[in-house]
Amino acid sequence: MSHLPDDHPLKLAHRRSIRHRAEIEASRLCGCFFCERIFVAPLIIDWIREDDTALCPFCGIVSVLGDASGLPITEDFLQEMRIAWFC
């Protein structure tokens, strides 16, 4: 993804997947763009303590987005993010 400009929507979305505890706790739905699961926010119980980053409750990867971010937590969007960051 380094070939995309810093203001590209997928880069901006990726920035919302770290240091986001308050945003995740304000979310109803979350999604992981590694395993592409959509789940309710209270399922998140593991965090990276140093920077308040959520770990996916299904795969344990740091790739969680919450709907309080304003990003679409949909299968299509999570798949697009997975392709962009993990393929």
PDB file of N, CA and C in Angstrom:
ATOM      1  N   MET A   1       0.806  -1.202   0.000  1.00  0.00           N
ATOM      2  CA  MET A   1       0.000   0.000   0.000  1.00  0.00           C
ATOM      3  C   MET A   1       0.843   1.256   0.000  1.00  0.00           C
ATOM      4  N   SER A   2       2.130   1.131   0.100  1.00  0.00           N
ATOM      5  CA  SER A   2       2.969   2.325   0.132  1.00  0.00           C
ATOM      6  C   SER A   2       2.899   3.105  -1.165  1.00  0.00           C
ATOM      7  N   HIS A   3       2.424   2.469  -2.241  1.00  0.00           N
ATOM      8  CA  HIS A   3       2.332   3.161  -3.521  1.00  0.00           C
ATOM      9  C   HIS A   3       1.127   4.097  -3.590  1.00  0.00           C
ATOM     10  N   LEU A   4       0.232   4.033  -2.615  1.00  0.00           N
ATOM     11  CA  LEU A   4      -0.928   4.910  -2.592  1.00  0.00           C
ATOM     12  C   LEU A   4      -0.597   6.210  -1.874  1.00  0.00           C
ATOM     13  N   PRO A   5      -1.220   7.289  -2.286  1.00  0.00           N
ATOM     14  CA  PRO A   5      -0.983   8.551  -1.571  1.00  0.00           C
ATOM     15  C   PRO A   5      -1.500   8.470  -0.141  1.00  0.00           C
ATOM     16  N   ASP A   6      -0.927   9.284   0.728  1.00  0.00           N
ATOM     17  CA  ASP A   6      -1.293   9.262   2.151  1.00  0.00           C
ATOM     18  C   ASP A   6      -2.766   9.559   2.392  1.00  0.00           C
ATOM     19  N   ASP A   7      -3.409  10.268   1.460  1.00  0.00           N
ATOM     20  CA  ASP A   7      -4.819  10.596   1.659  1.00  0.00           C
ATOM     21  C   ASP A   7      -5.764   9.612   0.971  1.00  0.00           C
ATOM     22  N   HIS A   8      -5.233   8.485   0.490  1.00  0.00           N
ATOM     23  CA  HIS A   8      -6.079   7.461  -0.131  1.00  0.00           C
ATOM     24  C   HIS A   8      -7.028   6.893   0.928  1.00  0.00           C
ATOM     25  N   PRO A   9      -8.305   6.663   0.582  1.00  0.00           N
ATOM     26  CA  PRO A   9      -9.276   6.175   1.572  1.00  0.00           C
ATOM     27  C   PRO A   9      -8.853   4.891   2.298  1.00  0.00           C
ATOM     28  N   LEU A  10      -8.183   3.970   1.621  1.00  0.00           N
ATOM     29  CA  LEU A  10      -7.768   2.742   2.299  1.00  0.00           C
ATOM     30  C   LEU A  10      -6.634   2.989   3.285  1.00  0.00           C
ATOM     31  N   LYS A  11      -5.760   3.925   2.985  1.00  0.00           N
ATOM     32  CA  LYS A  11      -4.710   4.280   3.949  1.00  0.00           C
ATOM     33  C   LYS A  11      -5.315   4.991   5.155  1.00  0.00           C
ATOM     34  N   LEU A  12      -6.261   5.873   4.888  1.00  0.00           N
ATOM     35  CA  LEU A  12      -6.921   6.568   5.993  1.00  0.00           C
ATOM     36  C   LEU A  12      -7.680   5.575   6.869  1.00  0.00           C
ATOM     37  N   ALA A  13      -8.339   4.603   6.253  1.00  0.00           N
ATOM     38  CA  ALA A  13      -9.067   3.576   7.013  1.00  0.00           C
ATOM     39  C   ALA A  13      -8.100   2.749   7.848  1.00  0.00           C
ATOM     40  N   HIS A  14      -6.966   2.399   7.280  1.00  0.00           N
ATOM     41  CA  HIS A  14      -5.983   1.593   8.009  1.00  0.00           C
ATOM     42  C   HIS A  14      -5.513   2.304   9.269  1.00  0.00           C
ATOM     43  N   ARG A  15      -5.376   3.586   9.207  1.00  0.00           N
ATOM     44  CA  ARG A  15      -4.945   4.357  10.382  1.00  0.00           C
ATOM     45  C   ARG A  15      -5.948   4.257  11.531  1.00  0.00           C
ATOM     46  N   ARG A  16      -7.201   3.925  11.204  1.00  0.00           N
ATOM     47  CA  ARG A  16      -8.238   3.795  12.231  1.00  0.00           C
ATOM     48  C   ARG A  16      -8.175   2.442  12.937  1.00  0.00           C
ATOM     49  N   SER A  17      -7.248   1.569  12.535  1.00  0.00           N
ATOM     50  CA  SER A  17      -7.164   0.230  13.124  1.00  0.00           C
ATOM     51  C   SER A  17      -6.141   0.148  14.255  1.00  0.00           C
ATOM     52  N   ILE A  18      -5.589   1.273  14.649  1.00  0.00           N
ATOM     53  CA  ILE A  18      -4.624   1.302  15.756  1.00  0.00           C
ATOM     54  C   ILE A  18      -4.941   2.471  16.687  1.00  0.00           C
ATOM     55  N   ARG A  19      -4.481   2.329  17.923  1.00  0.00           N
ATOM     56  CA  ARG A  19      -4.684   3.382  18.933  1.00  0.00           C
ATOM     57  C   ARG A  19      -6.127   3.897  18.903  1.00  0.00           C
ATOM     58  N   HIS A  20      -7.069   2.974  19.079  1.00  0.00           N
ATOM     59  CA  HIS A  20      -8.472   3.309  18.835  1.00  0.00           C
ATOM     60  C   HIS A  20      -9.438   2.787  19.896  1.00  0.00           C
ATOM     61  N   ARG A  21      -8.959   2.597  21.099  1.00  0.00           N
ATOM     62  CA  ARG A  21      -9.816   1.994  22.132  1.00  0.00           C
ATOM     63  C   ARG A  21     -11.115   2.777  22.333  1.00  0.00           C
ATOM     64  N   ALA A  22     -11.037   4.079  22.459  1.00  0.00           N
ATOM     65  CA  ALA A  22     -12.251   4.876  22.685  1.00  0.00           C
ATOM     66  C   ALA A  22     -13.233   4.716  21.525  1.00  0.00           C
ATOM     67  N   GLU A  23     -12.704   4.682  20.317  1.00  0.00           N
ATOM     68  CA  GLU A  23     -13.557   4.522  19.136  1.00  0.00           C
ATOM     69  C   GLU A  23     -14.205   3.134  19.100  1.00  0.00           C
ATOM     70  N   ILE A  24     -13.443   2.113  19.439  1.00  0.00           N
ATOM     71  CA  ILE A  24     -13.985   0.752  19.464  1.00  0.00           C
ATOM     72  C   ILE A  24     -15.040   0.636  20.559  1.00  0.00           C
ATOM     73  N   GLU A  25     -14.766   1.177  21.718  1.00  0.00           N
ATOM     74  CA  GLU A  25     -15.731   1.105  22.821  1.00  0.00           C
ATOM     75  C   GLU A  25     -17.007   1.890  22.522  1.00  0.00           C
ATOM     76  N   ALA A  26     -16.930   2.861  21.616  1.00  0.00           N
ATOM     77  CA  ALA A  26     -18.117   3.621  21.210  1.00  0.00           C
ATOM     78  C   ALA A  26     -18.851   2.956  20.042  1.00  0.00           C
ATOM     79  N   SER A  27     -18.300   1.878  19.533  1.00  0.00           N
ATOM     80  CA  SER A  27     -18.878   1.190  18.381  1.00  0.00           C
ATOM     81  C   SER A  27     -19.861   0.115  18.814  1.00  0.00           C
ATOM     82  N   ARG A  28     -20.815  -0.151  17.948  1.00  0.00           N
ATOM     83  CA  ARG A  28     -21.724  -1.275  18.145  1.00  0.00           C
ATOM     84  C   ARG A  28     -21.186  -2.487  17.401  1.00  0.00           C
ATOM     85  N   LEU A  29     -20.810  -2.272  16.129  1.00  0.00           N
ATOM     86  CA  LEU A  29     -20.261  -3.341  15.295  1.00  0.00           C
ATOM     87  C   LEU A  29     -18.810  -3.086  14.985  1.00  0.00           C
ATOM     88  N   CYS A  30     -18.059  -4.171  14.895  1.00  0.00           N
ATOM     89  CA  CYS A  30     -16.664  -4.109  14.483  1.00  0.00           C
ATOM     90  C   CYS A  30     -16.443  -5.140  13.391  1.00  0.00           C
ATOM     91  N   GLY A  31     -15.381  -4.950  12.660  1.00  0.00           N
ATOM     92  CA  GLY A  31     -15.009  -5.923  11.654  1.00  0.00           C
ATOM     93  C   GLY A  31     -13.507  -6.055  11.589  1.00  0.00           C
ATOM     94  N   CYS A  32     -13.059  -7.247  11.240  1.00  0.00           N
ATOM     95  CA  CYS A  32     -11.635  -7.519  11.091  1.00  0.00           C
ATOM     96  C   CYS A  32     -11.318  -7.655   9.610  1.00  0.00           C
ATOM     97  N   PHE A  33     -10.367  -6.880   9.135  1.00  0.00           N
ATOM     98  CA  PHE A  33     -10.033  -6.982   7.718  1.00  0.00           C
ATOM     99  C   PHE A  33      -8.937  -8.005   7.439  1.00  0.00           C
ATOM    100  N   PHE A  34      -8.606  -8.840   8.438  1.00  0.00           N
ATOM    101  CA  PHE A  34      -7.774 -10.009   8.171  1.00  0.00           C
ATOM    102  C   PHE A  34      -8.661 -11.238   7.977  1.00  0.00           C
ATOM    103  N   CYS A  35      -9.463 -11.571   8.982  1.00  0.00           N
ATOM    104  CA  CYS A  35     -10.329 -12.753   8.857  1.00  0.00           C
ATOM    105  C   CYS A  35     -11.703 -12.416   8.279  1.00  0.00           C
ATOM    106  N   GLU A  36     -11.982 -11.121   8.121  1.00  0.00           N
ATOM    107  CA  GLU A  36     -13.212 -10.617   7.501  1.00  0.00           C
ATOM    108  C   GLU A  36     -14.471 -10.949   8.295  1.00  0.00           C
ATOM    109  N   ARG A  37     -14.324 -11.127   9.601  1.00  0.00           N
ATOM    110  CA  ARG A  37     -15.493 -11.374  10.455  1.00  0.00           C
ATOM    111  C   ARG A  37     -16.086 -10.048  10.903  1.00  0.00           C
ATOM    112  N   ILE A  38     -17.395 -10.008  11.050  1.00  0.00           N
ATOM    113  CA  ILE A  38     -18.118  -8.866  11.604  1.00  0.00           C
ATOM    114  C   ILE A  38     -18.717  -9.341  12.923  1.00  0.00           C
ATOM    115  N   PHE A  39     -18.573  -8.523  13.970  1.00  0.00           N
ATOM    116  CA  PHE A  39     -18.974  -8.945  15.309  1.00  0.00           C
ATOM    117  C   PHE A  39     -19.317  -7.732  16.156  1.00  0.00           C
ATOM    118  N   VAL A  40     -19.977  -7.986  17.280  1.00  0.00           N
ATOM    119  CA  VAL A  40     -20.308  -6.891  18.200  1.00  0.00           C
ATOM    120  C   VAL A  40     -19.057  -6.498  18.979  1.00  0.00           C
ATOM    121  N   ALA A  41     -18.939  -5.224  19.236  1.00  0.00           N
ATOM    122  CA  ALA A  41     -17.742  -4.673  19.881  1.00  0.00           C
ATOM    123  C   ALA A  41     -17.409  -5.314  21.230  1.00  0.00           C
ATOM    124  N   PRO A  42     -18.389  -5.659  22.082  1.00  0.00           N
ATOM    125  CA  PRO A  42     -18.033  -6.236  23.385  1.00  0.00           C
ATOM    126  C   PRO A  42     -17.284  -7.570  23.316  1.00  0.00           C
ATOM    127  N   LEU A  43     -17.227  -8.203  22.151  1.00  0.00           N
ATOM    128  CA  LEU A  43     -16.447  -9.439  22.034  1.00  0.00           C
ATOM    129  C   LEU A  43     -14.945  -9.183  22.126  1.00  0.00           C
ATOM    130  N   ILE A  44     -14.527  -7.947  21.921  1.00  0.00           N
ATOM    131  CA  ILE A  44     -13.100  -7.626  22.015  1.00  0.00           C
ATOM    132  C   ILE A  44     -12.706  -7.578  23.481  1.00  0.00           C
ATOM    133  N   ILE A  45     -11.782  -8.451  23.836  1.00  0.00           N
ATOM    134  CA  ILE A  45     -11.301  -8.469  25.219  1.00  0.00           C
ATOM    135  C   ILE A  45      -9.784  -8.317  25.289  1.00  0.00           C
ATOM    136  N   ASP A  46      -9.124  -8.468  24.159  1.00  0.00           N
ATOM    137  CA  ASP A  46      -7.663  -8.368  24.139  1.00  0.00           C
ATOM    138  C   ASP A  46      -7.222  -7.089  23.445  1.00  0.00           C
ATOM    139  N   TRP A  47      -6.314  -6.410  24.106  1.00  0.00           N
ATOM    140  CA  TRP A  47      -5.794  -5.128  23.616  1.00  0.00           C
ATOM    141  C   TRP A  47      -4.280  -5.122  23.738  1.00  0.00           C
ATOM    142  N   ILE A  48      -3.642  -4.403  22.850  1.00  0.00           N
ATOM    143  CA  ILE A  48      -2.222  -4.108  23.024  1.00  0.00           C
ATOM    144  C   ILE A  48      -2.183  -2.931  23.988  1.00  0.00           C
ATOM    145  N   ARG A  49      -1.683  -3.162  25.172  1.00  0.00           N
ATOM    146  CA  ARG A  49      -1.770  -2.170  26.246  1.00  0.00           C
ATOM    147  C   ARG A  49      -1.009  -0.885  25.962  1.00  0.00           C
ATOM    148  N   GLU A  50       0.124  -0.996  25.296  1.00  0.00           N
ATOM    149  CA  GLU A  50       0.957   0.192  25.085  1.00  0.00           C
ATOM    150  C   GLU A  50       0.223   1.273  24.300  1.00  0.00           C
ATOM    151  N   ASP A  51      -0.646   0.882  23.385  1.00  0.00           N
ATOM    152  CA  ASP A  51      -1.279   1.899  22.543  1.00  0.00           C
ATOM    153  C   ASP A  51      -2.787   1.723  22.386  1.00  0.00           C
ATOM    154  N   ASP A  52      -3.411   0.903  23.222  1.00  0.00           N
ATOM    155  CA  ASP A  52      -4.867   0.719  23.194  1.00  0.00           C
ATOM    156  C   ASP A  52      -5.388   0.303  21.823  1.00  0.00           C
ATOM    157  N   THR A  53      -4.735  -0.701  21.236  1.00  0.00           N
ATOM    158  CA  THR A  53      -5.140  -1.234  19.939  1.00  0.00           C
ATOM    159  C   THR A  53      -5.815  -2.585  20.147  1.00  0.00           C
ATOM    160  N   ALA A  54      -6.988  -2.744  19.543  1.00  0.00           N
ATOM    161  CA  ALA A  54      -7.767  -3.977  19.693  1.00  0.00           C
ATOM    162  C   ALA A  54      -7.183  -5.115  18.871  1.00  0.00           C
ATOM    163  N   LEU A  55      -7.281  -6.316  19.443  1.00  0.00           N
ATOM    164  CA  LEU A  55      -6.951  -7.540  18.717  1.00  0.00           C
ATOM    165  C   LEU A  55      -8.269  -8.224  18.360  1.00  0.00           C
ATOM    166  N   CYS A  56      -8.360  -8.748  17.166  1.00  0.00           N
ATOM    167  CA  CYS A  56      -9.568  -9.443  16.734  1.00  0.00           C
ATOM    168  C   CYS A  56      -9.832 -10.632  17.659  1.00  0.00           C
ATOM    169  N   PRO A  57     -11.077 -10.782  18.139  1.00  0.00           N
ATOM    170  CA  PRO A  57     -11.379 -11.909  19.021  1.00  0.00           C
ATOM    171  C   PRO A  57     -11.395 -13.262  18.301  1.00  0.00           C
ATOM    172  N   PHE A  58     -11.345 -13.263  16.976  1.00  0.00           N
ATOM    173  CA  PHE A  58     -11.383 -14.511  16.219  1.00  0.00           C
ATOM    174  C   PHE A  58     -10.008 -14.937  15.714  1.00  0.00           C
ATOM    175  N   CYS A  59      -9.216 -13.991  15.209  1.00  0.00           N
ATOM    176  CA  CYS A  59      -7.918 -14.364  14.645  1.00  0.00           C
ATOM    177  C   CYS A  59      -6.732 -13.781  15.411  1.00  0.00           C
ATOM    178  N   GLY A  60      -6.974 -12.829  16.315  1.00  0.00           N
ATOM    179  CA  GLY A  60      -5.909 -12.256  17.119  1.00  0.00           C
ATOM    180  C   GLY A  60      -5.023 -11.249  16.403  1.00  0.00           C
ATOM    181  N   ILE A  61      -5.427 -10.846  15.210  1.00  0.00           N
ATOM    182  CA  ILE A  61      -4.633  -9.902  14.422  1.00  0.00           C
ATOM    183  C   ILE A  61      -5.084  -8.468  14.716  1.00  0.00           C
ATOM    184  N   VAL A  62      -4.167  -7.537  14.618  1.00  0.00           N
ATOM    185  CA  VAL A  62      -4.446  -6.112  14.805  1.00  0.00           C
ATOM    186  C   VAL A  62      -4.984  -5.569  13.477  1.00  0.00           C
ATOM    187  N   SER A  63      -6.255  -5.794  13.243  1.00  0.00           N
ATOM    188  CA  SER A  63      -6.869  -5.326  11.988  1.00  0.00           C
ATOM    189  C   SER A  63      -8.358  -5.087  12.195  1.00  0.00           C
ATOM    190  N   VAL A  64      -8.700  -4.491  13.329  1.00  0.00           N
ATOM    191  CA  VAL A  64     -10.092  -4.273  13.710  1.00  0.00           C
ATOM    192  C   VAL A  64     -10.484  -2.828  13.446  1.00  0.00           C
ATOM    193  N   LEU A  65     -11.664  -2.668  12.881  1.00  0.00           N
ATOM    194  CA  LEU A  65     -12.262  -1.353  12.684  1.00  0.00           C
ATOM    195  C   LEU A  65     -13.622  -1.344  13.349  1.00  0.00           C
ATOM    196  N   GLY A  66     -14.021  -0.206  13.907  1.00  0.00           N
ATOM    197  CA  GLY A  66     -15.330  -0.079  14.530  1.00  0.00           C
ATOM    198  C   GLY A  66     -16.224   0.863  13.753  1.00  0.00           C
ATOM    199  N   ASP A  67     -17.537   0.678  13.877  1.00  0.00           N
ATOM    200  CA  ASP A  67     -18.453   1.525  13.121  1.00  0.00           C
ATOM    201  C   ASP A  67     -18.488   2.970  13.614  1.00  0.00           C
ATOM    202  N   ALA A  68     -18.000   3.234  14.827  1.00  0.00           N
ATOM    203  CA  ALA A  68     -17.918   4.621  15.303  1.00  0.00           C
ATOM    204  C   ALA A  68     -16.901   5.425  14.501  1.00  0.00           C
ATOM    205  N   SER A  69     -16.083   4.751  13.725  1.00  0.00           N
ATOM    206  CA  SER A  69     -15.105   5.425  12.866  1.00  0.00           C
ATOM    207  C   SER A  69     -15.771   6.085  11.667  1.00  0.00           C
ATOM    208  N   GLY A  70     -17.013   5.679  11.383  1.00  0.00           N
ATOM    209  CA  GLY A  70     -17.695   6.171  10.189  1.00  0.00           C
ATOM    210  C   GLY A  70     -17.397   5.331   8.958  1.00  0.00           C
ATOM    211  N   LEU A  71     -16.523   4.341   9.121  1.00  0.00           N
ATOM    212  CA  LEU A  71     -16.184   3.447   8.006  1.00  0.00           C
ATOM    213  C   LEU A  71     -17.260   2.376   7.863  1.00  0.00           C
ATOM    214  N   PRO A  72     -17.468   1.885   6.648  1.00  0.00           N
ATOM    215  CA  PRO A  72     -18.472   0.837   6.453  1.00  0.00           C
ATOM    216  C   PRO A  72     -17.957  -0.509   6.976  1.00  0.00           C
ATOM    217  N   ILE A  73     -18.648  -1.072   7.911  1.00  0.00           N
ATOM    218  CA  ILE A  73     -18.273  -2.390   8.433  1.00  0.00           C
ATOM    219  C   ILE A  73     -19.129  -3.405   7.662  1.00  0.00           C
ATOM    220  N   THR A  74     -18.673  -3.686   6.454  1.00  0.00           N
ATOM    221  CA  THR A  74     -19.401  -4.576   5.552  1.00  0.00           C
ATOM    222  C   THR A  74     -18.441  -5.629   5.020  1.00  0.00           C
ATOM    223  N   GLU A  75     -18.995  -6.716   4.514  1.00  0.00           N
ATOM    224  CA  GLU A  75     -18.164  -7.767   3.933  1.00  0.00           C
ATOM    225  C   GLU A  75     -17.319  -7.216   2.781  1.00  0.00           C
ATOM    226  N   ASP A  76     -17.922  -6.402   1.931  1.00  0.00           N
ATOM    227  CA  ASP A  76     -17.199  -5.860   0.780  1.00  0.00           C
ATOM    228  C   ASP A  76     -16.027  -4.984   1.200  1.00  0.00           C
ATOM    229  N   PHE A  77     -16.259  -4.098   2.161  1.00  0.00           N
ATOM    230  CA  PHE A  77     -15.192  -3.198   2.594  1.00  0.00           C
ATOM    231  C   PHE A  77     -14.067  -3.960   3.284  1.00  0.00           C
ATOM    232  N   LEU A  78     -14.426  -4.914   4.150  1.00  0.00           N
ATOM    233  CA  LEU A  78     -13.399  -5.701   4.828  1.00  0.00           C
ATOM    234  C   LEU A  78     -12.573  -6.498   3.830  1.00  0.00           C
ATOM    235  N   GLN A  79     -13.221  -7.022   2.804  1.00  0.00           N
ATOM    236  CA  GLN A  79     -12.491  -7.763   1.769  1.00  0.00           C
ATOM    237  C   GLN A  79     -11.554  -6.831   1.006  1.00  0.00           C
ATOM    238  N   GLU A  80     -12.010  -5.640   0.685  1.00  0.00           N
ATOM    239  CA  GLU A  80     -11.160  -4.669  -0.003  1.00  0.00           C
ATOM    240  C   GLU A  80      -9.938  -4.313   0.849  1.00  0.00           C
ATOM    241  N   MET A  81     -10.147  -4.129   2.143  1.00  0.00           N
ATOM    242  CA  MET A  81      -9.037  -3.833   3.048  1.00  0.00           C
ATOM    243  C   MET A  81      -8.078  -5.020   3.138  1.00  0.00           C
ATOM    244  N   ARG A  82      -8.612  -6.238   3.215  1.00  0.00           N
ATOM    245  CA  ARG A  82      -7.752  -7.425   3.285  1.00  0.00           C
ATOM    246  C   ARG A  82      -6.867  -7.528   2.055  1.00  0.00           C
ATOM    247  N   ILE A  83      -7.451  -7.344   0.898  1.00  0.00           N
ATOM    248  CA  ILE A  83      -6.687  -7.410  -0.341  1.00  0.00           C
ATOM    249  C   ILE A  83      -5.587  -6.346  -0.352  1.00  0.00           C
ATOM    250  N   ALA A  84      -5.944  -5.157   0.100  1.00  0.00           N
ATOM    251  CA  ALA A  84      -4.996  -4.048   0.092  1.00  0.00           C
ATOM    252  C   ALA A  84      -3.837  -4.258   1.066  1.00  0.00           C
ATOM    253  N   TRP A  85      -4.095  -4.833   2.244  1.00  0.00           N
ATOM    254  CA  TRP A  85      -3.083  -4.894   3.290  1.00  0.00           C
ATOM    255  C   TRP A  85      -2.463  -6.262   3.506  1.00  0.00           C
ATOM    256  N   PHE A  86      -3.110  -7.330   3.082  1.00  0.00           N
ATOM    257  CA  PHE A  86      -2.588  -8.658   3.382  1.00  0.00           C
ATOM    258  C   PHE A  86      -2.338  -9.530   2.167  1.00  0.00           C
ATOM    259  N   CYS A  87      -2.710  -9.097   0.980  1.00  0.00           N
ATOM    260  CA  CYS A  87      -2.491  -9.932  -0.218  1.00  0.00           C
ATOM    261  C   CYS A  87      -1.385  -9.358  -1.082  1.00  0.00           C
TER     262      CYS A  87
END
